[in-house]
Amino acid sequence: MNTTAETTRAATTRAADADAAADAAAQARHARFGTLPEPIPLSALVAEVPATAKAGADYDAERSWLHYSCLALDLGGF
């Protein structure tokens, strides 16, 4: 028959074994993955470039129809 002291001792032993297993797992993860990389500063992610005029930015109203798309016209319906 188990006494209260034996039950408490068994529970304490199981808890210690679980803590040791968790520590071993943590050490294995740390050995495999190491630490997280250093955060990248925001200044390294942003590049400022002066604005320039886009190529072909001038609008030609007479030739704008060349870029018009209509499915009915593409199928030859008109």
PDB file of N, CA and C in Angstrom:
ATOM      1  N   MET A   1       0.837  -1.162   0.000  1.00  0.00           N
ATOM      2  CA  MET A   1       0.000   0.000   0.000  1.00  0.00           C
ATOM      3  C   MET A   1       0.891   1.236   0.000  1.00  0.00           C
ATOM      4  N   ASN A   2       0.559   2.199  -0.886  1.00  0.00           N
ATOM      5  CA  ASN A   2       1.332   3.434  -0.987  1.00  0.00           C
ATOM      6  C   ASN A   2       0.924   4.404   0.109  1.00  0.00           C
ATOM      7  N   THR A   3       1.927   4.993   0.667  1.00  0.00           N
ATOM      8  CA  THR A   3       1.640   6.029   1.653  1.00  0.00           C
ATOM      9  C   THR A   3       1.669   7.375   0.958  1.00  0.00           C
ATOM     10  N   THR A   4       1.249   8.371   1.654  1.00  0.00           N
ATOM     11  CA  THR A   4       1.231   9.719   1.097  1.00  0.00           C
ATOM     12  C   THR A   4       2.641  10.184   0.790  1.00  0.00           C
ATOM     13  N   ALA A   5       3.593   9.846   1.612  1.00  0.00           N
ATOM     14  CA  ALA A   5       4.980  10.241   1.394  1.00  0.00           C
ATOM     15  C   ALA A   5       5.533   9.591   0.133  1.00  0.00           C
ATOM     16  N   GLU A   6       5.224   8.305  -0.090  1.00  0.00           N
ATOM     17  CA  GLU A   6       5.698   7.603  -1.280  1.00  0.00           C
ATOM     18  C   GLU A   6       5.054   8.193  -2.541  1.00  0.00           C
ATOM     19  N   THR A   7       3.786   8.528  -2.465  1.00  0.00           N
ATOM     20  CA  THR A   7       3.086   9.122  -3.601  1.00  0.00           C
ATOM     21  C   THR A   7       3.674  10.488  -3.925  1.00  0.00           C
ATOM     22  N   THR A   8       3.953  11.285  -2.896  1.00  0.00           N
ATOM     23  CA  THR A   8       4.543  12.599  -3.093  1.00  0.00           C
ATOM     24  C   THR A   8       5.939  12.473  -3.669  1.00  0.00           C
ATOM     25  N   ARG A   9       6.724  11.519  -3.167  1.00  0.00           N
ATOM     26  CA  ARG A   9       8.090  11.295  -3.655  1.00  0.00           C
ATOM     27  C   ARG A   9       8.060  10.859  -5.126  1.00  0.00           C
ATOM     28  N   ALA A  10       7.123   9.997  -5.495  1.00  0.00           N
ATOM     29  CA  ALA A  10       7.011   9.528  -6.877  1.00  0.00           C
ATOM     30  C   ALA A  10       6.609  10.683  -7.799  1.00  0.00           C
ATOM     31  N   ALA A  11       5.695  11.517  -7.337  1.00  0.00           N
ATOM     32  CA  ALA A  11       5.273  12.661  -8.144  1.00  0.00           C
ATOM     33  C   ALA A  11       6.418  13.643  -8.321  1.00  0.00           C
ATOM     34  N   THR A  12       7.202  13.851  -7.258  1.00  0.00           N
ATOM     35  CA  THR A  12       8.345  14.756  -7.331  1.00  0.00           C
ATOM     36  C   THR A  12       9.390  14.207  -8.299  1.00  0.00           C
ATOM     37  N   THR A  13       9.618  12.898  -8.268  1.00  0.00           N
ATOM     38  CA  THR A  13      10.580  12.272  -9.171  1.00  0.00           C
ATOM     39  C   THR A  13      10.126  12.407 -10.623  1.00  0.00           C
ATOM     40  N   ARG A  14       8.829  12.182 -10.872  1.00  0.00           N
ATOM     41  CA  ARG A  14       8.311  12.327 -12.239  1.00  0.00           C
ATOM     42  C   ARG A  14       8.445  13.770 -12.710  1.00  0.00           C
ATOM     43  N   ALA A  15       8.183  14.733 -11.843  1.00  0.00           N
ATOM     44  CA  ALA A  15       8.303  16.145 -12.210  1.00  0.00           C
ATOM     45  C   ALA A  15       9.751  16.498 -12.501  1.00  0.00           C
ATOM     46  N   ALA A  16      10.679  15.975 -11.724  1.00  0.00           N
ATOM     47  CA  ALA A  16      12.102  16.228 -11.953  1.00  0.00           C
ATOM     48  C   ALA A  16      12.544  15.602 -13.266  1.00  0.00           C
ATOM     49  N   ASP A  17      12.045  14.395 -13.561  1.00  0.00           N
ATOM     50  CA  ASP A  17      12.385  13.746 -14.835  1.00  0.00           C
ATOM     51  C   ASP A  17      11.821  14.540 -16.014  1.00  0.00           C
ATOM     52  N   ALA A  18      10.617  15.067 -15.858  1.00  0.00           N
ATOM     53  CA  ALA A  18      10.011  15.859 -16.925  1.00  0.00           C
ATOM     54  C   ALA A  18      10.794  17.149 -17.129  1.00  0.00           C
ATOM     55  N   ASP A  19      11.237  17.783 -16.034  1.00  0.00           N
ATOM     56  CA  ASP A  19      12.046  19.003 -16.149  1.00  0.00           C
ATOM     57  C   ASP A  19      13.376  18.712 -16.831  1.00  0.00           C
ATOM     58  N   ALA A  20      13.996  17.581 -16.491  1.00  0.00           N
ATOM     59  CA  ALA A  20      15.275  17.208 -17.110  1.00  0.00           C
ATOM     60  C   ALA A  20      15.086  16.941 -18.595  1.00  0.00           C
ATOM     61  N   ALA A  21      13.984  16.280 -18.953  1.00  0.00           N
ATOM     62  CA  ALA A  21      13.709  16.006 -20.367  1.00  0.00           C
ATOM     63  C   ALA A  21      13.450  17.309 -21.117  1.00  0.00           C
ATOM     64  N   ALA A  22      12.728  18.239 -20.483  1.00  0.00           N
ATOM     65  CA  ALA A  22      12.461  19.531 -21.123  1.00  0.00           C
ATOM     66  C   ALA A  22      13.758  20.311 -21.306  1.00  0.00           C
ATOM     67  N   ASP A  23      14.637  20.282 -20.302  1.00  0.00           N
ATOM     68  CA  ASP A  23      15.932  20.961 -20.411  1.00  0.00           C
ATOM     69  C   ASP A  23      16.776  20.345 -21.515  1.00  0.00           C
ATOM     70  N   ALA A  24      16.760  19.012 -21.611  1.00  0.00           N
ATOM     71  CA  ALA A  24      17.526  18.338 -22.659  1.00  0.00           C
ATOM     72  C   ALA A  24      16.979  18.700 -24.042  1.00  0.00           C
ATOM     73  N   ALA A  25      15.649  18.773 -24.148  1.00  0.00           N
ATOM     74  CA  ALA A  25      15.035  19.138 -25.427  1.00  0.00           C
ATOM     75  C   ALA A  25      15.370  20.576 -25.783  1.00  0.00           C
ATOM     76  N   ALA A  26      15.360  21.452 -24.779  1.00  0.00           N
ATOM     77  CA  ALA A  26      15.704  22.853 -25.027  1.00  0.00           C
ATOM     78  C   ALA A  26      17.153  22.980 -25.470  1.00  0.00           C
ATOM     79  N   GLN A  27      18.038  22.230 -24.851  1.00  0.00           N
ATOM     80  CA  GLN A  27      19.445  22.266 -25.250  1.00  0.00           C
ATOM     81  C   GLN A  27      19.630  21.718 -26.656  1.00  0.00           C
ATOM     82  N   ALA A  28      18.895  20.682 -27.008  1.00  0.00           N
ATOM     83  CA  ALA A  28      18.989  20.115 -28.360  1.00  0.00           C
ATOM     84  C   ALA A  28      18.493  21.128 -29.395  1.00  0.00           C
ATOM     85  N   ARG A  29      17.376  21.820 -29.098  1.00  0.00           N
ATOM     86  CA  ARG A  29      16.873  22.841 -30.027  1.00  0.00           C
ATOM     87  C   ARG A  29      17.869  23.976 -30.181  1.00  0.00           C
ATOM     88  N   HIS A  30      18.445  24.392 -29.066  1.00  0.00           N
ATOM     89  CA  HIS A  30      19.416  25.493 -29.125  1.00  0.00           C
ATOM     90  C   HIS A  30      20.653  25.072 -29.918  1.00  0.00           C
ATOM     91  N   ALA A  31      21.083  23.825 -29.756  1.00  0.00           N
ATOM     92  CA  ALA A  31      22.247  23.350 -30.510  1.00  0.00           C
ATOM     93  C   ALA A  31      21.942  23.277 -32.003  1.00  0.00           C
ATOM     94  N   ARG A  32      20.702  22.929 -32.332  1.00  0.00           N
ATOM     95  CA  ARG A  32      20.353  22.780 -33.743  1.00  0.00           C
ATOM     96  C   ARG A  32      20.079  24.126 -34.408  1.00  0.00           C
ATOM     97  N   PHE A  33      19.297  24.964 -33.743  1.00  0.00           N
ATOM     98  CA  PHE A  33      18.852  26.200 -34.372  1.00  0.00           C
ATOM     99  C   PHE A  33      19.608  27.437 -33.908  1.00  0.00           C
ATOM    100  N   GLY A  34      20.286  27.359 -32.793  1.00  0.00           N
ATOM    101  CA  GLY A  34      21.033  28.505 -32.298  1.00  0.00           C
ATOM    102  C   GLY A  34      20.104  29.614 -31.831  1.00  0.00           C
ATOM    103  N   THR A  35      20.445  30.816 -32.163  1.00  0.00           N
ATOM    104  CA  THR A  35      19.639  31.960 -31.766  1.00  0.00           C
ATOM    105  C   THR A  35      18.982  32.577 -32.986  1.00  0.00           C
ATOM    106  N   LEU A  36      18.034  33.441 -32.729  1.00  0.00           N
ATOM    107  CA  LEU A  36      17.371  34.146 -33.831  1.00  0.00           C
ATOM    108  C   LEU A  36      18.332  35.149 -34.454  1.00  0.00           C
ATOM    109  N   PRO A  37      18.192  35.421 -35.740  1.00  0.00           N
ATOM    110  CA  PRO A  37      19.056  36.427 -36.367  1.00  0.00           C
ATOM    111  C   PRO A  37      18.748  37.808 -35.815  1.00  0.00           C
ATOM    112  N   GLU A  38      19.714  38.678 -35.946  1.00  0.00           N
ATOM    113  CA  GLU A  38      19.527  40.052 -35.490  1.00  0.00           C
ATOM    114  C   GLU A  38      18.452  40.732 -36.343  1.00  0.00           C
ATOM    115  N   PRO A  39      17.613  41.571 -35.740  1.00  0.00           N
ATOM    116  CA  PRO A  39      16.599  42.276 -36.537  1.00  0.00           C
ATOM    117  C   PRO A  39      17.255  43.242 -37.525  1.00  0.00           C
ATOM    118  N   ILE A  40      16.644  43.365 -38.683  1.00  0.00           N
ATOM    119  CA  ILE A  40      17.155  44.271 -39.706  1.00  0.00           C
ATOM    120  C   ILE A  40      16.614  45.663 -39.419  1.00  0.00           C
ATOM    121  N   PRO A  41      17.483  46.671 -39.345  1.00  0.00           N
ATOM    122  CA  PRO A  41      16.981  48.023 -39.063  1.00  0.00           C
ATOM    123  C   PRO A  41      16.148  48.545 -40.237  1.00  0.00           C
ATOM    124  N   LEU A  42      15.179  49.377 -39.921  1.00  0.00           N
ATOM    125  CA  LEU A  42      14.285  49.928 -40.937  1.00  0.00           C
ATOM    126  C   LEU A  42      15.049  50.722 -41.986  1.00  0.00           C
ATOM    127  N   SER A  43      16.119  51.389 -41.573  1.00  0.00           N
ATOM    128  CA  SER A  43      16.887  52.191 -42.528  1.00  0.00           C
ATOM    129  C   SER A  43      17.531  51.325 -43.610  1.00  0.00           C
ATOM    130  N   ALA A  44      17.759  50.048 -43.324  1.00  0.00           N
ATOM    131  CA  ALA A  44      18.332  49.149 -44.323  1.00  0.00           C
ATOM    132  C   ALA A  44      17.273  48.649 -45.302  1.00  0.00           C
ATOM    133  N   LEU A  45      15.997  48.780 -44.940  1.00  0.00           N
ATOM    134  CA  LEU A  45      14.918  48.291 -45.798  1.00  0.00           C
ATOM    135  C   LEU A  45      14.370  49.354 -46.742  1.00  0.00           C
ATOM    136  N   VAL A  46      14.695  50.600 -46.486  1.00  0.00           N
ATOM    137  CA  VAL A  46      14.135  51.705 -47.266  1.00  0.00           C
ATOM    138  C   VAL A  46      15.230  52.347 -48.096  1.00  0.00           C
ATOM    139  N   ALA A  47      14.971  52.529 -49.370  1.00  0.00           N
ATOM    140  CA  ALA A  47      15.912  53.221 -50.247  1.00  0.00           C
ATOM    141  C   ALA A  47      15.186  54.398 -50.877  1.00  0.00           C
ATOM    142  N   GLU A  48      15.738  55.566 -50.710  1.00  0.00           N
ATOM    143  CA  GLU A  48      15.131  56.760 -51.292  1.00  0.00           C
ATOM    144  C   GLU A  48      15.788  57.046 -52.632  1.00  0.00           C
ATOM    145  N   VAL A  49      14.946  57.164 -53.659  1.00  0.00           N
ATOM    146  CA  VAL A  49      15.408  57.426 -55.013  1.00  0.00           C
ATOM    147  C   VAL A  49      14.689  58.671 -55.506  1.00  0.00           C
ATOM    148  N   PRO A  50      15.396  59.612 -56.080  1.00  0.00           N
ATOM    149  CA  PRO A  50      14.707  60.807 -56.569  1.00  0.00           C
ATOM    150  C   PRO A  50      13.741  60.454 -57.701  1.00  0.00           C
ATOM    151  N   ALA A  51      12.630  61.156 -57.727  1.00  0.00           N
ATOM    152  CA  ALA A  51      11.616  60.912 -58.745  1.00  0.00           C
ATOM    153  C   ALA A  51      12.090  61.419 -60.095  1.00  0.00           C
ATOM    154  N   THR A  52      11.796  60.648 -61.130  1.00  0.00           N
ATOM    155  CA  THR A  52      12.122  61.035 -62.499  1.00  0.00           C
ATOM    156  C   THR A  52      10.875  60.866 -63.353  1.00  0.00           C
ATOM    157  N   ALA A  53      10.848  61.513 -64.482  1.00  0.00           N
ATOM    158  CA  ALA A  53       9.725  61.374 -65.401  1.00  0.00           C
ATOM    159  C   ALA A  53       9.750  59.981 -66.003  1.00  0.00           C
ATOM    160  N   LYS A  54       8.583  59.357 -66.094  1.00  0.00           N
ATOM    161  CA  LYS A  54       8.495  58.030 -66.681  1.00  0.00           C
ATOM    162  C   LYS A  54       8.666  58.114 -68.190  1.00  0.00           C
ATOM    163  N   ALA A  55       9.187  57.071 -68.773  1.00  0.00           N
ATOM    164  CA  ALA A  55       9.326  57.015 -70.227  1.00  0.00           C
ATOM    165  C   ALA A  55       7.922  56.954 -70.835  1.00  0.00           C
ATOM    166  N   GLY A  56       7.657  57.775 -71.815  1.00  0.00           N
ATOM    167  CA  GLY A  56       6.365  57.790 -72.470  1.00  0.00           C
ATOM    168  C   GLY A  56       5.287  58.453 -71.640  1.00  0.00           C
ATOM    169  N   ALA A  57       5.667  59.353 -70.767  1.00  0.00           N
ATOM    170  CA  ALA A  57       4.697  60.005 -69.896  1.00  0.00           C
ATOM    171  C   ALA A  57       3.857  61.026 -70.640  1.00  0.00           C
ATOM    172  N   ASP A  58       4.310  61.473 -71.805  1.00  0.00           N
ATOM    173  CA  ASP A  58       3.517  62.463 -72.549  1.00  0.00           C
ATOM    174  C   ASP A  58       2.320  61.758 -73.189  1.00  0.00           C
ATOM    175  N   TYR A  59       1.164  62.392 -73.092  1.00  0.00           N
ATOM    176  CA  TYR A  59      -0.081  61.809 -73.570  1.00  0.00           C
ATOM    177  C   TYR A  59      -0.372  62.318 -74.976  1.00  0.00           C
ATOM    178  N   ASP A  60      -0.659  61.395 -75.875  1.00  0.00           N
ATOM    179  CA  ASP A  60      -0.983  61.752 -77.247  1.00  0.00           C
ATOM    180  C   ASP A  60      -2.428  61.336 -77.509  1.00  0.00           C
ATOM    181  N   ALA A  61      -3.330  62.297 -77.535  1.00  0.00           N
ATOM    182  CA  ALA A  61      -4.748  62.007 -77.696  1.00  0.00           C
ATOM    183  C   ALA A  61      -5.050  61.352 -79.040  1.00  0.00           C
ATOM    184  N   GLU A  62      -4.292  61.669 -80.072  1.00  0.00           N
ATOM    185  CA  GLU A  62      -4.545  61.114 -81.402  1.00  0.00           C
ATOM    186  C   GLU A  62      -4.199  59.625 -81.477  1.00  0.00           C
ATOM    187  N   ARG A  63      -3.249  59.186 -80.693  1.00  0.00           N
ATOM    188  CA  ARG A  63      -2.826  57.786 -80.765  1.00  0.00           C
ATOM    189  C   ARG A  63      -3.309  56.956 -79.578  1.00  0.00           C
ATOM    190  N   SER A  64      -4.129  57.521 -78.702  1.00  0.00           N
ATOM    191  CA  SER A  64      -4.559  56.804 -77.510  1.00  0.00           C
ATOM    192  C   SER A  64      -5.435  55.600 -77.850  1.00  0.00           C
ATOM    193  N   TRP A  65      -6.089  55.611 -79.006  1.00  0.00           N
ATOM    194  CA  TRP A  65      -6.945  54.505 -79.388  1.00  0.00           C
ATOM    195  C   TRP A  65      -6.150  53.223 -79.651  1.00  0.00           C
ATOM    196  N   LEU A  66      -4.867  53.347 -79.872  1.00  0.00           N
ATOM    197  CA  LEU A  66      -4.058  52.152 -80.110  1.00  0.00           C
ATOM    198  C   LEU A  66      -4.002  51.235 -78.890  1.00  0.00           C
ATOM    199  N   HIS A  67      -4.244  51.797 -77.711  1.00  0.00           N
ATOM    200  CA  HIS A  67      -4.179  51.013 -76.481  1.00  0.00           C
ATOM    201  C   HIS A  67      -5.558  50.641 -75.979  1.00  0.00           C
ATOM    202  N   TYR A  68      -6.576  50.884 -76.778  1.00  0.00           N
ATOM    203  CA  TYR A  68      -7.947  50.587 -76.388  1.00  0.00           C
ATOM    204  C   TYR A  68      -8.197  49.098 -76.574  1.00  0.00           C
ATOM    205  N   SER A  69      -8.846  48.475 -75.607  1.00  0.00           N
ATOM    206  CA  SER A  69      -9.139  47.062 -75.701  1.00  0.00           C
ATOM    207  C   SER A  69     -10.636  46.843 -75.527  1.00  0.00           C
ATOM    208  N   CYS A  70     -11.237  46.145 -76.463  1.00  0.00           N
ATOM    209  CA  CYS A  70     -12.660  45.845 -76.404  1.00  0.00           C
ATOM    210  C   CYS A  70     -12.843  44.427 -76.933  1.00  0.00           C
ATOM    211  N   LEU A  71     -13.453  43.574 -76.139  1.00  0.00           N
ATOM    212  CA  LEU A  71     -13.611  42.181 -76.531  1.00  0.00           C
ATOM    213  C   LEU A  71     -14.452  42.056 -77.806  1.00  0.00           C
ATOM    214  N   ALA A  72     -15.490  42.868 -77.930  1.00  0.00           N
ATOM    215  CA  ALA A  72     -16.337  42.797 -79.122  1.00  0.00           C
ATOM    216  C   ALA A  72     -15.528  43.136 -80.377  1.00  0.00           C
ATOM    217  N   LEU A  73     -14.654  44.143 -80.281  1.00  0.00           N
ATOM    218  CA  LEU A  73     -13.825  44.499 -81.431  1.00  0.00           C
ATOM    219  C   LEU A  73     -12.785  43.416 -81.693  1.00  0.00           C
ATOM    220  N   ASP A  74     -12.256  42.821 -80.639  1.00  0.00           N
ATOM    221  CA  ASP A  74     -11.254  41.772 -80.819  1.00  0.00           C
ATOM    222  C   ASP A  74     -11.851  40.553 -81.499  1.00  0.00           C
ATOM    223  N   LEU A  75     -13.133  40.285 -81.269  1.00  0.00           N
ATOM    224  CA  LEU A  75     -13.791  39.134 -81.891  1.00  0.00           C
ATOM    225  C   LEU A  75     -14.331  39.460 -83.282  1.00  0.00           C
ATOM    226  N   GLY A  76     -14.230  40.725 -83.686  1.00  0.00           N
ATOM    227  CA  GLY A  76     -14.675  41.098 -85.022  1.00  0.00           C
ATOM    228  C   GLY A  76     -16.158  41.307 -85.117  1.00  0.00           C
ATOM    229  N   GLY A  77     -16.826  41.646 -84.050  1.00  0.00           N
ATOM    230  CA  GLY A  77     -18.275  41.812 -84.045  1.00  0.00           C
ATOM    231  C   GLY A  77     -18.738  43.104 -84.677  1.00  0.00           C
ATOM    232  N   PHE A  78     -17.835  44.066 -84.845  1.00  0.00           N
ATOM    233  CA  PHE A  78     -18.272  45.345 -85.420  1.00  0.00           C
ATOM    234  C   PHE A  78     -17.539  45.649 -86.677  1.00  0.00           C
TER     235      PHE A  78
END
